[in-house]
Every structure is written in structure tokens, then in C-alpha cells.
Amino acid sequence: MLFSETKKAALECVLFVSVDSLSLPDLAEAVELDEQDVVKLLDELISEYEKTSHGIRVIKVADGYRFVTKDEYSDEVEKILKPHISKLSRAALETLSIIAYRQPIIRAEVERIRGVNVDRILARLMEKNLVYEVGRKETPGRPILYGTTSEFLEYFGLENLDKLPELQSVSEEEIADDLKKLQQKQEESFTEDQD
């Protein structure tokens, strides 16, 4: 039991000092345990931090794990850190929502859906590492196919793409609104300065 408590403390330290989420293989390597044992220790940590006496918690996001503050303490944390979280414009959110739900997708298809040129927005999303080139479409001209990155998942606090809001018969604007809500939720949760 002491062995697992020591390893759990080491795991806690590794998560605490990391700015980004850490994958299961990285965590297993850091604490020198197999992945199944690390999952058990992570489950224990998640359970312990969910208790009301803690202001932080461990979450799984983008196929990794990280510490975040609990939502109910965001006002207090913000007073101290005044985090700068880069917000996305409505146009960027709409473009990103199209890519997220229809990936892999080419720029021309995104433009057809939005009805406007998306060159600058797409470049900005790539600069923020939310979107990347996943390959080329096997059609004349071989246009570039785009998809979302693991940073996209982290930005919106999603474990994987299956956690995106259900796509029913809603407009792209409604999807962008859903992503905006996720973005606002993440702004309240994350306490680190993302300059």
C-alpha cells in the first residue's frame, strides 16, 4: 500500500507541474509503472479531488490528464491570476465547428457552407494549432483536407470528438453557439495564463 501511495504522490506531482495534459504512456513512464496501475492511481486521485474540500480536480482531456480548478472557484482564481485566454471570434467558431463535425473537409466545402472566404480564419486556426492538414483529397487538384487537433480538444475541455454536442438538425450558428459555451466553460475552469 505504501508503494502505491508513494507512486500516487509522484503521479500527483507530475500532473501538478505540467502545463499541458499528459498522456497515459507519459505518466506511466514518469512514475515507472505500467499503464493499468497508473489508471488505477488516476481513478483514486480523481475520486479524492472530487471531494468538496478540494478546489482543484484531475480531468481527462484530449487523451491525457491534467489538473484544473473547480468551476465554483473561478472568480477567486481570476482575481489573482487574471488569466488571458485567447478568445475565438464568432466567424472562427463557426469555421471550427464545420471542420470539427465534418472532418476531414476541404477549404472549398467550408466556404460553401459558410458562404464566405475562410482563408484568413483557417490560417488563424492553424496558427492557434486548433486545426491541421490531415492529408489531400483524391480529386483533381488534390485539395488539402483539414481536421481538428488534440489542442482543439484541450481548448474546449473535451476528452475526444465523441464528446462534441450532438449534431441534430441545427444550424452552423447553433453549433458555433455550443462551442462558444464550451469555450466560456473552459475560461472559467483553466487558471493558467496562455500567452
Protein backbone atom coordinates (compact mmCIF):
# COMPACT_ATOMS: atom_id res chain seq x y z
CA MET A 1 0.00 0.00 0.00
CA LEU A 2 2.87 2.38 0.78
CA PHE A 3 4.23 1.68 -2.69
CA SER A 4 1.01 2.85 -4.37
CA GLU A 5 0.72 5.88 -2.05
CA THR A 6 4.27 6.90 -2.96
CA LYS A 7 3.59 6.37 -6.67
CA LYS A 8 0.27 8.21 -6.38
CA ALA A 9 2.10 11.16 -4.79
CA ALA A 10 4.66 11.08 -7.62
CA LEU A 11 1.84 10.99 -10.17
CA GLU A 12 0.20 13.93 -8.44
CA CYS A 13 3.47 15.90 -8.62
CA VAL A 14 3.96 15.17 -12.31
CA LEU A 15 0.42 16.33 -13.10
CA PHE A 16 0.86 19.41 -10.92
CA VAL A 17 4.00 20.69 -12.66
CA SER A 18 2.81 20.03 -16.20
CA VAL A 19 1.35 22.90 -18.19
CA ASP A 20 -0.21 20.57 -20.76
CA SER A 21 -2.24 17.43 -20.33
CA LEU A 22 -0.13 14.28 -20.07
CA SER A 23 -0.87 11.04 -21.90
CA LEU A 24 -1.16 7.74 -20.12
CA PRO A 25 2.12 6.43 -21.62
CA ASP A 26 3.95 9.60 -20.49
CA LEU A 27 2.56 9.28 -16.98
CA ALA A 28 3.43 5.57 -16.82
CA GLU A 29 7.00 6.34 -17.90
CA ALA A 30 7.35 9.19 -15.41
CA VAL A 31 6.28 7.14 -12.38
CA GLU A 32 7.73 3.85 -13.67
CA LEU A 33 4.53 1.82 -13.55
CA ASP A 34 2.52 0.01 -16.18
CA GLU A 35 -0.45 1.86 -17.66
CA GLN A 36 -3.08 -0.25 -15.87
CA ASP A 37 -1.59 0.67 -12.48
CA VAL A 38 -1.45 4.32 -13.48
CA VAL A 39 -5.15 4.23 -14.46
CA LYS A 40 -5.99 2.83 -11.02
CA LEU A 41 -3.98 5.58 -9.31
CA LEU A 42 -5.54 8.23 -11.54
CA ASP A 43 -9.01 6.97 -10.65
CA GLU A 44 -8.08 7.28 -6.96
CA LEU A 45 -6.77 10.82 -7.49
CA ILE A 46 -9.85 11.83 -9.46
CA SER A 47 -12.08 10.48 -6.69
CA GLU A 48 -10.09 12.19 -3.93
CA TYR A 49 -10.09 15.57 -5.66
CA GLU A 50 -13.80 15.46 -6.40
CA LYS A 51 -14.45 15.78 -2.69
CA THR A 52 -15.86 19.17 -1.76
CA SER A 53 -12.84 20.02 0.40
CA HIS A 54 -10.64 20.48 -2.68
CA GLY A 55 -10.59 23.44 -5.05
CA ILE A 56 -8.87 21.55 -7.83
CA ARG A 57 -9.58 18.34 -9.67
CA VAL A 58 -7.98 15.96 -12.14
CA ILE A 59 -9.70 15.61 -15.51
CA LYS A 60 -9.18 13.54 -18.62
CA VAL A 61 -8.92 15.74 -21.68
CA ALA A 62 -7.60 15.14 -25.21
CA ASP A 63 -6.40 11.63 -24.39
CA GLY A 64 -4.45 12.93 -21.42
CA TYR A 65 -4.86 14.08 -17.83
CA ARG A 66 -4.37 17.43 -16.11
CA PHE A 67 -5.19 19.49 -13.04
CA VAL A 68 -7.83 22.22 -13.35
CA THR A 69 -9.64 24.39 -10.85
CA LYS A 70 -13.23 23.63 -9.94
CA ASP A 71 -15.74 25.90 -11.64
CA GLU A 72 -17.16 27.23 -8.38
CA TYR A 73 -13.82 28.89 -7.53
CA SER A 74 -13.20 30.61 -10.86
CA ASP A 75 -13.99 34.11 -9.51
CA GLU A 76 -11.39 33.84 -6.74
CA VAL A 77 -8.74 32.43 -9.06
CA GLU A 78 -9.40 35.07 -11.70
CA LYS A 79 -8.89 37.86 -9.14
CA ILE A 80 -5.35 36.63 -8.55
CA LEU A 81 -4.24 35.36 -11.93
CA LYS A 82 -6.34 37.44 -14.30
CA PRO A 83 -5.88 34.75 -16.96
CA HIS A 84 -5.61 35.74 -20.56
CA ILE A 85 -7.40 33.15 -22.60
CA SER A 86 -7.37 33.84 -26.29
CA LYS A 87 -10.98 34.04 -27.41
CA LEU A 88 -12.17 33.00 -30.82
CA SER A 89 -14.36 35.23 -32.96
CA ARG A 90 -17.81 34.06 -33.98
CA ALA A 91 -16.54 33.53 -37.55
CA ALA A 92 -13.66 31.39 -36.24
CA LEU A 93 -16.05 29.37 -34.05
CA GLU A 94 -18.38 28.77 -36.99
CA THR A 95 -15.49 27.68 -39.21
CA LEU A 96 -14.08 25.49 -36.45
CA SER A 97 -17.48 23.89 -35.82
CA ILE A 98 -17.82 22.97 -39.50
CA ILE A 99 -14.37 21.40 -39.51
CA ALA A 100 -14.97 19.58 -36.21
CA TYR A 101 -18.20 17.97 -37.34
CA ARG A 102 -17.37 17.31 -40.97
CA GLN A 103 -13.68 16.43 -40.84
CA PRO A 104 -11.77 15.70 -42.90
CA ILE A 105 -13.00 18.58 -45.02
CA ILE A 106 -11.51 20.81 -47.72
CA ARG A 107 -11.48 24.61 -47.57
CA ALA A 108 -13.91 24.92 -50.53
CA GLU A 109 -16.54 22.85 -48.66
CA VAL A 110 -16.16 25.04 -45.56
CA GLU A 111 -16.55 28.15 -47.74
CA ARG A 112 -19.63 26.68 -49.44
CA ILE A 113 -21.26 26.06 -46.07
CA ARG A 114 -20.31 29.44 -44.58
CA GLY A 115 -20.82 31.39 -47.80
CA VAL A 116 -17.62 33.41 -47.33
CA ASN A 117 -13.88 33.06 -47.90
CA VAL A 118 -12.20 31.37 -44.93
CA ASP A 119 -8.51 31.66 -45.90
CA ARG A 120 -7.60 34.07 -43.09
CA ILE A 121 -9.73 32.33 -40.48
CA LEU A 122 -8.31 28.94 -41.43
CA ALA A 123 -4.77 30.32 -41.21
CA ARG A 124 -5.54 31.76 -37.76
CA LEU A 125 -6.98 28.46 -36.55
CA MET A 126 -3.84 26.70 -37.78
CA GLU A 127 -1.64 29.28 -36.01
CA LYS A 128 -3.52 28.51 -32.79
CA ASN A 129 -2.93 24.82 -33.53
CA LEU A 130 -6.65 24.04 -33.38
CA VAL A 131 -6.76 22.80 -37.00
CA TYR A 132 -4.18 20.98 -39.10
CA GLU A 133 -3.72 19.47 -42.56
CA VAL A 134 -4.69 15.81 -42.38
CA GLY A 135 -3.90 14.94 -46.00
CA ARG A 136 -5.10 15.54 -49.52
CA LYS A 137 -8.38 14.64 -51.17
CA GLU A 138 -8.09 12.23 -54.09
CA THR A 139 -9.77 14.56 -56.59
CA PRO A 140 -8.40 16.83 -59.33
CA GLY A 141 -6.15 19.45 -57.81
CA ARG A 142 -5.72 17.30 -54.68
CA PRO A 143 -7.05 19.94 -52.25
CA ILE A 144 -5.88 19.88 -48.64
CA LEU A 145 -8.09 18.13 -46.09
CA TYR A 146 -8.41 19.75 -42.64
CA GLY A 147 -9.21 18.29 -39.25
CA THR A 148 -9.02 19.29 -35.60
CA THR A 149 -6.02 18.75 -33.31
CA SER A 150 -5.64 17.47 -29.77
CA GLU A 151 -5.20 21.15 -28.80
CA PHE A 152 -8.77 21.67 -30.08
CA LEU A 153 -9.91 19.03 -27.60
CA GLU A 154 -7.93 20.67 -24.79
CA TYR A 155 -9.17 24.17 -25.70
CA PHE A 156 -12.77 23.04 -25.34
CA GLY A 157 -12.14 20.59 -22.49
CA LEU A 158 -13.20 17.54 -24.47
CA GLU A 159 -11.90 14.02 -23.91
CA ASN A 160 -12.45 13.13 -27.59
CA LEU A 161 -14.56 14.11 -30.60
CA ASP A 162 -17.38 11.84 -29.44
CA LYS A 163 -17.95 14.37 -26.62
CA LEU A 164 -18.94 17.14 -29.07
CA PRO A 165 -22.55 18.26 -28.64
CA GLU A 166 -24.92 16.05 -30.63
CA LEU A 167 -25.40 17.23 -34.18
CA GLN A 168 -29.09 17.21 -34.97
CA SER A 169 -30.94 19.42 -37.40
CA VAL A 170 -29.28 22.58 -36.15
CA SER A 171 -27.65 25.42 -37.99
CA GLU A 172 -23.92 26.06 -38.07
CA GLU A 173 -24.62 29.16 -35.94
CA GLU A 174 -26.19 27.00 -33.22
CA ILE A 175 -23.17 24.72 -33.30
CA ALA A 176 -20.92 27.77 -33.00
CA ASP A 177 -23.02 28.86 -30.01
CA ASP A 178 -22.45 25.43 -28.41
CA LEU A 179 -18.70 25.75 -28.98
CA LYS A 180 -18.82 29.28 -27.55
CA LYS A 181 -20.46 27.88 -24.39
CA LEU A 182 -17.73 25.24 -24.15
CA GLN A 183 -15.13 27.98 -24.62
CA GLN A 184 -16.67 30.04 -21.80
CA LYS A 185 -16.77 26.99 -19.55
CA GLN A 186 -13.07 26.39 -20.19
CA GLU A 187 -12.25 30.03 -19.46
CA GLU A 188 -13.81 29.54 -16.05
CA SER A 189 -12.02 26.22 -15.45
CA PHE A 190 -8.45 26.87 -16.55
CA THR A 191 -6.34 29.08 -14.35
CA GLU A 192 -3.11 29.16 -16.30
CA ASP A 193 -2.01 32.13 -18.35
CA GLN A 194 -1.96 31.10 -22.01
CA ASP A 195 0.03 33.93 -23.56
